[in-house]
């Protein structure tokens, strides 16, 4: 059983996903990866790499299996204040926001780089 399998079987994680729902999760991810205060996909990737998570990022951009990151790593990279603000805005517990982002960031970067390269931003 991999780390993602155990996370997906975690009732708190499933609860967080259901609370975020189909409408809120894209908005949260857009804030983190898009036009939000994090500076977009390239900026988030750069922050992750500068924080010592380069191997994880390479796995997401590459064609192999995506290496996981933890909720704590997400909070450190994005900043506890950012995670707290997102949690408050959507009335979701802070730890659940970080868990969901830790699960979704690898998927988002992977989907944004189907050819093994990040899209160029203007």
Protein backbone atom coordinates (compact mmCIF):
# COMPACT_ATOMS: atom_id res chain seq x y z
CA UNK A 1 0.00 0.00 0.00
CA UNK A 2 1.49 3.32 -1.08
CA UNK A 3 1.34 6.60 0.76
CA UNK A 4 -1.44 7.91 -1.49
CA UNK A 5 -3.47 4.74 -0.97
CA UNK A 6 -3.30 5.14 2.79
CA UNK A 7 -4.13 8.85 2.48
CA UNK A 8 -7.13 8.18 0.24
CA UNK A 9 -8.37 5.61 2.76
CA UNK A 10 -8.05 8.14 5.58
CA UNK A 11 -11.52 9.31 6.70
CA UNK A 12 -10.24 12.84 7.38
CA UNK A 13 -8.87 13.07 3.85
CA UNK A 14 -12.09 11.78 2.31
CA UNK A 15 -14.01 14.25 4.44
CA UNK A 16 -11.78 17.09 3.27
CA UNK A 17 -12.32 16.15 -0.36
CA UNK A 18 -16.07 16.02 0.11
CA UNK A 19 -16.04 19.37 1.91
CA UNK A 20 -14.04 20.97 -0.88
CA UNK A 21 -16.43 19.48 -3.39
CA UNK A 22 -16.44 19.82 -7.13
CA UNK A 23 -16.96 23.59 -7.07
CA UNK A 24 -14.52 24.70 -4.36
CA UNK A 25 -11.49 22.53 -5.21
CA UNK A 26 -10.92 24.16 -8.63
CA UNK A 27 -11.14 27.61 -7.03
CA UNK A 28 -8.62 26.67 -4.34
CA UNK A 29 -6.26 25.17 -6.91
CA UNK A 30 -6.70 28.24 -9.11
CA UNK A 31 -5.70 30.44 -6.21
CA UNK A 32 -2.59 28.39 -5.59
CA UNK A 33 -1.60 27.59 -9.17
CA UNK A 34 -3.21 30.37 -11.16
CA UNK A 35 -3.68 34.04 -10.61
CA UNK A 36 -3.66 33.91 -6.82
CA UNK A 37 -1.00 35.29 -4.53
CA UNK A 38 1.39 32.41 -5.23
CA UNK A 39 2.35 33.73 -8.69
CA UNK A 40 1.08 30.91 -10.88
CA UNK A 41 2.24 27.45 -11.78
CA UNK A 42 5.85 28.35 -12.59
CA UNK A 43 6.23 30.29 -9.34
CA UNK A 44 4.79 27.47 -7.25
CA UNK A 45 7.08 24.95 -8.98
CA UNK A 46 10.07 27.23 -8.36
CA UNK A 47 9.13 27.53 -4.67
CA UNK A 48 8.87 23.77 -4.38
CA UNK A 49 12.26 23.28 -6.03
CA UNK A 50 13.91 25.94 -3.85
CA UNK A 51 12.48 24.20 -0.79
CA UNK A 52 14.36 20.99 -1.56
CA UNK A 53 11.49 19.24 -3.33
CA UNK A 54 13.14 19.16 -6.75
CA UNK A 55 12.98 15.35 -7.05
CA UNK A 56 9.25 15.41 -6.38
CA UNK A 57 8.68 18.18 -8.93
CA UNK A 58 10.76 16.32 -11.56
CA UNK A 59 8.59 13.25 -11.04
CA UNK A 60 5.41 15.29 -11.60
CA UNK A 61 6.72 16.90 -14.78
CA UNK A 62 8.25 13.66 -16.06
CA UNK A 63 6.43 10.63 -17.36
CA UNK A 64 6.95 8.28 -14.40
CA UNK A 65 5.11 7.88 -11.13
CA UNK A 66 4.49 11.08 -9.14
CA UNK A 67 6.37 11.25 -5.86
CA UNK A 68 4.21 12.48 -2.97
CA UNK A 69 4.64 15.53 -0.77
CA UNK A 70 3.25 16.00 2.71
CA UNK A 71 0.78 18.50 4.07
CA UNK A 72 3.58 19.97 6.20
CA UNK A 73 5.73 20.48 3.11
CA UNK A 74 2.87 22.25 1.34
CA UNK A 75 2.34 24.54 4.32
CA UNK A 76 6.04 25.35 4.46
CA UNK A 77 6.30 26.09 0.73
CA UNK A 78 3.09 28.07 0.32
CA UNK A 79 3.31 29.61 3.77
CA UNK A 80 1.18 28.87 6.79
CA UNK A 81 -0.61 32.21 6.34
CA UNK A 82 -1.71 31.29 2.81
CA UNK A 83 -3.03 27.90 3.93
CA UNK A 84 -4.76 29.56 6.89
CA UNK A 85 -6.38 32.17 4.61
CA UNK A 86 -7.66 29.52 2.20
CA UNK A 87 -9.02 27.48 5.11
CA UNK A 88 -10.79 30.51 6.56
CA UNK A 89 -12.20 31.61 3.21
CA UNK A 90 -13.77 28.22 2.54
CA UNK A 91 -14.48 27.22 6.16
CA UNK A 92 -12.29 24.12 5.97
CA UNK A 93 -9.90 22.99 8.73
CA UNK A 94 -6.31 24.10 8.01
CA UNK A 95 -4.86 20.60 8.19
CA UNK A 96 -7.42 19.34 5.68
CA UNK A 97 -6.60 22.13 3.21
CA UNK A 98 -2.91 21.25 3.40
CA UNK A 99 -3.67 17.52 2.93
CA UNK A 100 -5.83 18.15 -0.11
CA UNK A 101 -3.25 20.49 -1.63
CA UNK A 102 -0.52 17.91 -1.01
CA UNK A 103 -2.61 15.41 -2.96
CA UNK A 104 -3.70 17.80 -5.73
CA UNK A 105 -0.47 19.73 -6.46
CA UNK A 106 1.33 16.72 -7.97
CA UNK A 107 -1.71 15.93 -10.10
CA UNK A 108 -2.07 19.54 -11.25
CA UNK A 109 1.59 19.90 -12.21
CA UNK A 110 1.50 16.49 -13.92
CA UNK A 111 -1.56 17.46 -15.99
CA UNK A 112 -0.07 20.87 -16.84
CA UNK A 113 3.08 19.24 -18.24
CA UNK A 114 1.90 16.39 -20.51
CA UNK A 115 4.97 16.70 -22.75
CA UNK A 116 7.38 16.76 -19.82
CA UNK A 117 7.63 20.55 -19.88
CA UNK A 118 5.80 23.26 -18.01
CA UNK A 119 3.80 25.68 -20.14
CA UNK A 120 5.40 29.09 -20.59
CA UNK A 121 3.66 31.92 -18.81
CA UNK A 122 3.60 35.49 -20.04
